[in-house]
Amino acid sequence: MSRWDVTNRRSSAPPLIIFTVIFLFVFIHPSIAWRPWPHQRHNATELQFGSSKKYEGSSEFVKLRYHMGPVLTANITVHIIWYGTWPRDQKRIIREFINSISSTTAPSPSVSGWWKTVQLYTDQTGSNISRTVRLGEEKNDRLLSHGKTLTRLSVQSVIKAAVTAKTKPLPISPKSGLYLLLTADDVYVQDFCQNVCGFHYFTFPSIVGYTLPYAWIGNSGRLCPGVCAYPFAVPDYISGLKPVKSPNGNVGIDGMISVIAHEISELASNPLVNAWYAGQDPVFPVEIADLCEGIYGTGGGGSYTGLMLEDRDGATYNMHGIRRRFLVQWVWNHVVNYCRGPNALD
């Protein structure tokens, strides 16, 4: 997780406003999805097999705790902001993944089976995260209203524009709505590709007018597929390791799906960054998807992805959606204290 840089500037604003801005920049940090590849060289054998085949993130040292904040127990609606130019086929893949989370028709192992681990998390009343996740309203920002380069704060300004638009604004749902800002493959967001492929947080009322759980995820297909679309692409500095074939024929979007899943699971279990996380510092929480970064199947851990499935066309995946296949990282199961997914062999 990276800190925001603060630049001191002279201002005629009242002291309280200056203090508030400094506080937001220095002490508030979105939760970030890190990718599994460190910036150092490895040989292919180490990356493929690691030191343990039965790790799956299990550790007696992981202390995931509940910090009494809310989780999303009401039926969840995902509202999407498409920032930049998005081809229809790319939108269809992402929509189907979201619609598959609550589907009961997909064959096993399924996306809904993956979500069952997320559902295990409860609030202080014992109520579980909702099993129902549906696709809500969508907003297109084709003209890049805030430019091709976004900062963390301007991400919130894009969300504000979407929920306050004069025509077809996105609904405002603080208790059950999740807002996904998805940026096209030619848009750069602060820290993107520097091991950061997405983050989640909540909007500030001072900027947006409401406290809304949101996430940003970028399409890395053009800018950094080796960082954010692994294992469908491999970093340039690694030799001897071949990428696997993506299940939907689009490296950027198939890589993006797993980051979207990562962020949605953490938004559901830690929407205001005061519910489920490990570590003592809420500024740098380690959340249920962070604990399983890079694990997609049984035996995964270290630099080994785990056992995945391969279809007759050679595509690699680990779960079925309604009509498509997806490769999605596992999430932490706090009941058994290790990472879990629907394609687990035990």
Protein backbone atom coordinates (compact mmCIF):
# COMPACT_ATOMS: atom_id res chain seq x y z
CA MET A 1 0.00 0.00 0.00
CA SER A 2 1.45 3.32 -0.99
CA ARG A 3 1.26 6.67 0.70
CA TRP A 4 -0.04 9.74 -1.05
CA ASP A 5 2.53 12.46 -1.51
CA VAL A 6 1.62 15.75 0.05
CA THR A 7 2.77 18.96 -1.64
CA ASN A 8 2.76 22.06 0.53
CA ARG A 9 1.15 25.03 -1.18
CA ARG A 10 0.12 28.44 0.07
CA SER A 11 -3.61 28.82 0.39
CA SER A 12 -6.13 31.36 1.56
CA ALA A 13 -8.49 28.60 2.69
CA PRO A 14 -9.57 28.56 6.35
CA PRO A 15 -7.29 26.55 8.70
CA LEU A 16 -9.95 23.85 9.25
CA ILE A 17 -10.17 23.13 5.52
CA ILE A 18 -6.39 23.01 5.21
CA PHE A 19 -6.18 20.58 8.13
CA THR A 20 -8.91 18.38 6.65
CA VAL A 21 -7.18 18.15 3.28
CA ILE A 22 -3.84 17.32 4.89
CA PHE A 23 -5.49 14.66 7.05
CA LEU A 24 -7.11 13.01 4.06
CA PHE A 25 -3.87 12.93 2.09
CA VAL A 26 -1.61 11.76 4.91
CA PHE A 27 -3.73 9.40 6.95
CA ILE A 28 -6.31 7.91 4.62
CA HIS A 29 -5.23 5.25 2.12
CA PRO A 30 -7.32 3.11 -0.20
CA SER A 31 -6.93 -0.62 0.21
CA ILE A 32 -4.83 -1.80 -2.70
CA ALA A 33 -4.80 -5.01 -4.71
CA TRP A 34 -1.18 -6.09 -5.06
CA ARG A 35 -0.12 -8.46 -7.77
CA PRO A 36 1.89 -11.64 -7.08
CA TRP A 37 5.09 -10.69 -8.88
CA PRO A 38 7.81 -8.95 -6.86
CA HIS A 39 10.28 -6.67 -8.64
CA GLN A 40 13.13 -9.14 -8.59
CA ARG A 41 14.39 -11.93 -10.79
CA HIS A 42 13.50 -15.58 -10.32
CA ASN A 43 14.09 -18.67 -12.37
CA ALA A 44 11.10 -20.41 -13.94
CA THR A 45 11.24 -23.46 -11.65
CA GLU A 46 10.97 -21.36 -8.50
CA LEU A 47 8.07 -19.38 -9.93
CA GLN A 48 6.13 -22.42 -11.07
CA PHE A 49 6.55 -24.63 -8.04
CA GLY A 50 7.72 -22.53 -5.11
CA SER A 51 8.76 -24.27 -1.90
CA SER A 52 5.46 -25.95 -1.04
CA LYS A 53 2.71 -27.62 -3.06
CA LYS A 54 0.19 -27.74 -0.18
CA TYR A 55 0.51 -24.26 1.20
CA GLU A 56 -2.68 -22.49 0.05
CA GLY A 57 -1.83 -19.57 2.29
CA SER A 58 -2.54 -21.54 5.48
CA SER A 59 -0.76 -20.09 8.47
CA GLU A 60 -1.20 -20.11 12.21
CA PHE A 61 0.32 -16.63 12.17
CA VAL A 62 -2.52 -15.06 10.18
CA LYS A 63 -4.75 -13.22 12.64
CA LEU A 64 -7.74 -12.01 10.67
CA ARG A 65 -10.03 -10.17 13.07
CA TYR A 66 -13.40 -8.49 13.04
CA HIS A 67 -13.23 -4.83 14.09
CA MET A 68 -17.00 -4.29 14.61
CA GLY A 69 -17.65 -2.34 11.43
CA PRO A 70 -20.45 -3.12 8.94
CA VAL A 71 -20.36 -5.73 6.19
CA LEU A 72 -22.75 -5.82 3.24
CA THR A 73 -25.63 -7.95 4.53
CA ALA A 74 -28.29 -6.40 2.27
CA ASN A 75 -28.61 -7.54 -1.34
CA ILE A 76 -25.62 -6.07 -3.16
CA THR A 77 -25.96 -4.02 -6.33
CA VAL A 78 -22.86 -3.30 -8.42
CA HIS A 79 -22.95 -0.05 -10.38
CA ILE A 80 -20.32 0.37 -13.10
CA ILE A 81 -18.68 3.50 -14.48
CA TRP A 82 -17.02 2.74 -17.83
CA TYR A 83 -14.27 5.36 -18.10
CA GLY A 84 -12.89 5.75 -21.60
CA THR A 85 -13.69 3.71 -24.70
CA TRP A 86 -14.95 0.19 -23.99
CA PRO A 87 -15.72 -2.31 -26.79
CA ARG A 88 -18.98 -4.18 -26.34
CA ASP A 89 -17.35 -7.60 -26.12
CA GLN A 90 -15.19 -6.46 -23.19
CA LYS A 91 -18.21 -5.12 -21.35
CA ARG A 92 -20.06 -8.41 -21.89
CA ILE A 93 -17.30 -10.45 -20.24
CA ILE A 94 -17.27 -8.24 -17.13
CA ARG A 95 -21.06 -8.08 -16.89
CA GLU A 96 -21.33 -11.85 -17.07
CA PHE A 97 -18.81 -12.31 -14.28
CA ILE A 98 -20.82 -10.04 -11.97
CA ASN A 99 -24.09 -11.74 -12.94
CA SER A 100 -22.48 -15.13 -12.28
CA ILE A 101 -21.77 -14.39 -8.61
CA SER A 102 -25.34 -15.25 -7.60
CA SER A 103 -26.13 -17.68 -10.41
CA THR A 104 -27.34 -21.15 -9.45
CA THR A 105 -27.19 -22.51 -13.00
CA ALA A 106 -23.43 -22.51 -13.62
CA PRO A 107 -21.74 -25.93 -13.39
CA SER A 108 -19.28 -26.66 -10.60
CA PRO A 109 -16.74 -25.27 -9.85
CA SER A 110 -18.67 -22.04 -10.14
CA VAL A 111 -18.31 -18.33 -9.43
CA SER A 112 -21.19 -18.61 -6.95
CA GLY A 113 -19.23 -21.38 -5.20
CA TRP A 114 -16.33 -18.93 -4.87
CA TRP A 115 -18.68 -16.33 -3.35
CA LYS A 116 -19.79 -18.81 -0.65
CA THR A 117 -16.48 -18.25 1.11
CA VAL A 118 -17.13 -14.49 1.12
CA GLN A 119 -20.59 -15.14 2.55
CA LEU A 120 -19.06 -16.69 5.66
CA TYR A 121 -18.18 -13.26 7.02
CA THR A 122 -20.67 -11.67 9.42
CA ASP A 123 -21.33 -8.40 11.19
CA GLN A 124 -21.70 -7.90 14.94
CA THR A 125 -25.29 -9.17 14.84
CA GLY A 126 -24.21 -12.44 13.25
CA SER A 127 -25.74 -11.57 9.88
CA ASN A 128 -23.82 -12.93 6.90
CA ILE A 129 -22.74 -11.08 3.79
CA SER A 130 -25.55 -11.31 1.26
CA ARG A 131 -25.56 -14.19 -1.21
CA THR A 132 -27.25 -11.90 -3.77
CA VAL A 133 -25.03 -9.77 -5.99
CA ARG A 134 -26.61 -8.21 -9.04
CA LEU A 135 -25.55 -5.84 -11.78
CA GLY A 136 -27.07 -2.40 -11.31
CA GLU A 137 -27.00 0.75 -13.39
CA GLU A 138 -24.10 1.70 -15.66
CA LYS A 139 -22.64 5.03 -16.71
CA ASN A 140 -20.37 5.71 -19.67
CA ASP A 141 -17.71 8.41 -19.50
CA ARG A 142 -16.37 8.08 -23.05
CA LEU A 143 -15.11 11.65 -23.24
CA LEU A 144 -12.78 11.17 -20.24
CA SER A 145 -14.28 14.00 -18.19
CA HIS A 146 -11.28 14.12 -15.86
CA GLY A 147 -8.57 13.36 -18.40
CA LYS A 148 -6.50 10.30 -19.31
CA THR A 149 -4.49 10.45 -16.08
CA LEU A 150 -6.32 10.15 -12.76
CA THR A 151 -5.11 10.63 -9.21
CA ARG A 152 -6.63 8.81 -6.26
CA LEU A 153 -8.73 11.83 -5.37
CA SER A 154 -9.83 12.50 -8.95
CA VAL A 155 -11.16 8.93 -9.02
CA GLN A 156 -13.70 10.12 -6.45
CA SER A 157 -14.51 13.14 -8.60
CA VAL A 158 -15.34 10.80 -11.50
CA ILE A 159 -17.74 8.93 -9.19
CA LYS A 160 -19.30 12.22 -8.12
CA ALA A 161 -19.91 13.15 -11.76
CA ALA A 162 -21.65 9.79 -12.30
CA VAL A 163 -24.01 10.02 -9.30
CA THR A 164 -24.85 13.71 -9.85
CA ALA A 165 -25.19 13.67 -13.65
CA LYS A 166 -28.12 15.63 -15.06
CA THR A 167 -29.14 12.69 -17.24
CA LYS A 168 -29.37 9.13 -15.94
CA PRO A 169 -27.28 9.53 -12.79
CA LEU A 170 -26.22 6.38 -10.97
CA PRO A 171 -28.44 5.55 -7.96
CA ILE A 172 -27.11 6.50 -4.55
CA SER A 173 -27.08 3.38 -2.34
CA PRO A 174 -24.72 3.76 0.65
CA LYS A 175 -25.80 0.51 2.37
CA SER A 176 -26.06 -1.94 -0.51
CA GLY A 177 -24.41 -0.36 -3.53
CA LEU A 178 -20.88 -0.98 -4.76
CA TYR A 179 -19.43 1.40 -7.32
CA LEU A 180 -16.83 0.12 -9.78
CA LEU A 181 -14.80 2.63 -11.75
CA LEU A 182 -13.28 0.65 -14.62
CA THR A 183 -10.69 2.46 -16.72
CA ALA A 184 -9.93 1.59 -20.35
CA ASP A 185 -6.54 0.32 -21.51
CA ASP A 186 -5.23 3.76 -22.45
CA VAL A 187 -6.06 5.44 -19.12
CA TYR A 188 -3.45 5.76 -16.38
CA VAL A 189 -4.34 5.95 -12.68
CA GLN A 190 -1.89 6.95 -9.96
CA ASP A 191 0.49 4.04 -9.17
CA PHE A 192 -1.06 1.80 -11.85
CA CYS A 193 1.34 -0.89 -13.08
CA GLN A 194 3.71 -0.35 -10.17
CA ASN A 195 2.35 -3.51 -8.56
CA VAL A 196 -1.02 -1.76 -8.18
CA CYS A 197 -3.87 -2.95 -10.38
CA GLY A 198 -6.85 -1.82 -8.32
CA PHE A 199 -7.90 -0.48 -4.94
CA HIS A 200 -11.05 0.05 -2.93
CA TYR A 201 -12.17 2.57 -0.36
CA PHE A 202 -15.19 4.78 0.31
CA THR A 203 -16.00 8.21 -1.05
CA PHE A 204 -15.62 11.31 1.08
CA PRO A 205 -18.81 13.36 1.64
CA SER A 206 -16.69 16.48 1.17
CA ILE A 207 -16.02 15.41 -2.42
CA VAL A 208 -18.96 13.25 -3.51
CA GLY A 209 -21.62 14.24 -1.00
CA TYR A 210 -22.06 10.67 0.24
CA THR A 211 -20.09 7.80 1.77
CA LEU A 212 -20.17 5.13 -0.93
CA PRO A 213 -18.00 1.97 -1.08
CA TYR A 214 -16.13 1.97 -4.38
CA ALA A 215 -13.27 0.34 -6.23
CA TRP A 216 -11.10 1.27 -9.16
CA ILE A 217 -9.71 -1.41 -11.49
CA GLY A 218 -7.66 -0.73 -14.61
CA ASN A 219 -7.42 -2.63 -17.89
CA SER A 220 -3.74 -3.55 -18.11
CA GLY A 221 -3.90 -5.12 -21.58
CA ARG A 222 -1.87 -2.34 -23.19
CA LEU A 223 0.09 -0.82 -20.32
CA CYS A 224 1.31 -3.70 -18.14
CA PRO A 225 -0.23 -7.14 -18.75
CA GLY A 226 2.80 -8.85 -17.20
CA VAL A 227 2.09 -7.10 -13.90
CA CYS A 228 -1.71 -7.12 -13.70
CA ALA A 229 -2.84 -9.91 -16.05
CA TYR A 230 -0.71 -12.77 -14.72
CA PRO A 231 -0.75 -15.69 -15.46
CA PHE A 232 -2.10 -14.76 -18.91
CA ALA A 233 1.01 -12.62 -19.35
CA VAL A 234 4.46 -12.87 -17.78
CA PRO A 235 6.74 -9.98 -16.73
CA ASP A 236 9.50 -9.16 -19.21
CA TYR A 237 12.22 -9.70 -16.63
CA ILE A 238 11.30 -13.38 -16.19
CA SER A 239 12.69 -15.80 -18.74
CA GLY A 240 11.59 -19.38 -19.29
CA LEU A 241 8.06 -19.03 -17.95
CA LYS A 242 5.23 -19.22 -20.46
CA PRO A 243 1.88 -17.50 -19.99
CA VAL A 244 -1.30 -19.58 -20.01
CA LYS A 245 -4.15 -19.09 -22.47
CA SER A 246 -6.90 -16.78 -21.23
CA PRO A 247 -10.41 -18.31 -21.09
CA ASN A 248 -12.18 -15.46 -22.91
CA GLY A 249 -9.52 -14.58 -25.45
CA ASN A 250 -8.66 -11.20 -23.94
CA VAL A 251 -5.61 -11.02 -21.69
CA GLY A 252 -6.39 -7.57 -20.28
CA ILE A 253 -10.02 -8.32 -19.46
CA ASP A 254 -9.43 -11.85 -18.14
CA GLY A 255 -6.72 -10.46 -15.87
CA MET A 256 -9.03 -7.66 -14.84
CA ILE A 257 -11.76 -10.13 -13.79
CA SER A 258 -9.64 -11.51 -10.95
CA VAL A 259 -8.84 -8.00 -9.68
CA ILE A 260 -12.55 -7.10 -9.83
CA ALA A 261 -13.31 -10.24 -7.80
CA HIS A 262 -10.55 -9.30 -5.34
CA GLU A 263 -12.01 -5.84 -4.78
CA ILE A 264 -15.68 -6.89 -4.61
CA SER A 265 -14.92 -9.52 -1.96
CA GLU A 266 -13.06 -6.96 0.15
CA LEU A 267 -15.72 -4.29 -0.34
CA ALA A 268 -18.34 -6.76 0.91
CA SER A 269 -16.31 -7.77 3.98
CA ASN A 270 -14.67 -4.43 4.77
CA PRO A 271 -16.61 -1.62 3.04
CA LEU A 272 -15.60 1.17 5.43
CA VAL A 273 -12.19 -0.33 6.29
CA ASN A 274 -13.27 -1.09 9.86
CA ALA A 275 -14.61 -4.64 9.63
CA TRP A 276 -12.59 -7.72 8.61
CA TYR A 277 -8.83 -7.37 8.21
CA ALA A 278 -5.54 -8.61 9.64
CA GLY A 279 -2.87 -6.45 11.19
CA GLN A 280 -2.93 -3.75 13.83
CA ASP A 281 -3.00 -0.74 11.54
CA PRO A 282 -6.31 0.10 9.79
CA VAL A 283 -4.36 2.46 7.51
CA PHE A 284 -2.67 -0.64 6.03
CA PRO A 285 -5.24 -3.45 6.35
CA VAL A 286 -4.54 -6.93 5.03
CA GLU A 287 -7.91 -8.15 3.83
CA ILE A 288 -9.52 -11.45 2.82
CA ALA A 289 -8.29 -11.33 -0.79
CA ASP A 290 -4.86 -9.89 0.04
CA LEU A 291 -4.13 -13.03 2.06
CA CYS A 292 -4.62 -15.19 -1.05
CA GLU A 293 -2.96 -13.05 -3.69
CA GLY A 294 -1.78 -15.23 -6.57
CA ILE A 295 -3.50 -18.43 -5.35
CA TYR A 296 -5.91 -20.01 -7.84
CA GLY A 297 -6.02 -23.68 -6.85
CA THR A 298 -5.05 -26.47 -4.51
CA GLY A 299 -1.39 -26.36 -3.52
CA GLY A 300 -1.03 -22.68 -4.31
CA GLY A 301 1.36 -20.60 -2.30
CA GLY A 302 4.59 -18.69 -2.56
CA SER A 303 4.99 -18.17 -6.31
CA TYR A 304 2.96 -21.26 -7.31
CA THR A 305 -0.58 -20.55 -8.51
CA GLY A 306 -1.99 -23.96 -7.54
CA LEU A 307 -3.77 -26.54 -9.66
CA MET A 308 -5.95 -24.94 -12.33
CA LEU A 309 -8.22 -26.38 -15.01
CA GLU A 310 -7.50 -26.54 -18.72
CA ASP A 311 -10.25 -26.80 -21.31
CA ARG A 312 -10.06 -28.66 -24.62
CA ASP A 313 -9.14 -25.43 -26.39
CA GLY A 314 -6.15 -25.01 -24.08
CA ALA A 315 -7.63 -22.17 -22.01
CA THR A 316 -6.83 -22.07 -18.30
CA TYR A 317 -9.56 -21.34 -15.76
CA ASN A 318 -10.75 -22.38 -12.30
CA MET A 319 -14.48 -21.66 -12.27
CA HIS A 320 -17.55 -21.47 -14.49
CA GLY A 321 -19.83 -18.51 -14.94
CA ILE A 322 -23.25 -18.58 -16.59
CA ARG A 323 -21.85 -19.04 -20.11
CA ARG A 324 -18.13 -18.33 -19.71
CA ARG A 325 -15.13 -19.56 -17.76
CA PHE A 326 -13.01 -17.40 -15.48
CA LEU A 327 -9.74 -17.55 -13.56
CA VAL A 328 -10.29 -15.91 -10.18
CA GLN A 329 -8.00 -15.86 -7.16
CA TRP A 330 -9.17 -17.54 -3.97
CA VAL A 331 -10.16 -15.71 -0.77
CA TRP A 332 -9.38 -16.36 2.88
CA ASN A 333 -11.71 -18.68 4.78
CA HIS A 334 -11.55 -17.57 8.43
CA VAL A 335 -13.35 -20.69 9.64
CA VAL A 336 -10.63 -23.11 8.50
CA ASN A 337 -7.87 -20.45 8.45
CA TYR A 338 -6.64 -20.89 4.90
CA CYS A 339 -7.43 -19.80 1.34
CA ARG A 340 -10.35 -21.52 -0.32
CA GLY A 341 -11.98 -21.71 -3.75
CA PRO A 342 -14.64 -23.80 -5.50
CA ASN A 343 -12.03 -25.84 -7.42
CA ALA A 344 -10.33 -27.09 -4.25
CA LEU A 345 -9.48 -30.79 -4.42
CA ASP A 346 -9.95 -31.44 -0.69
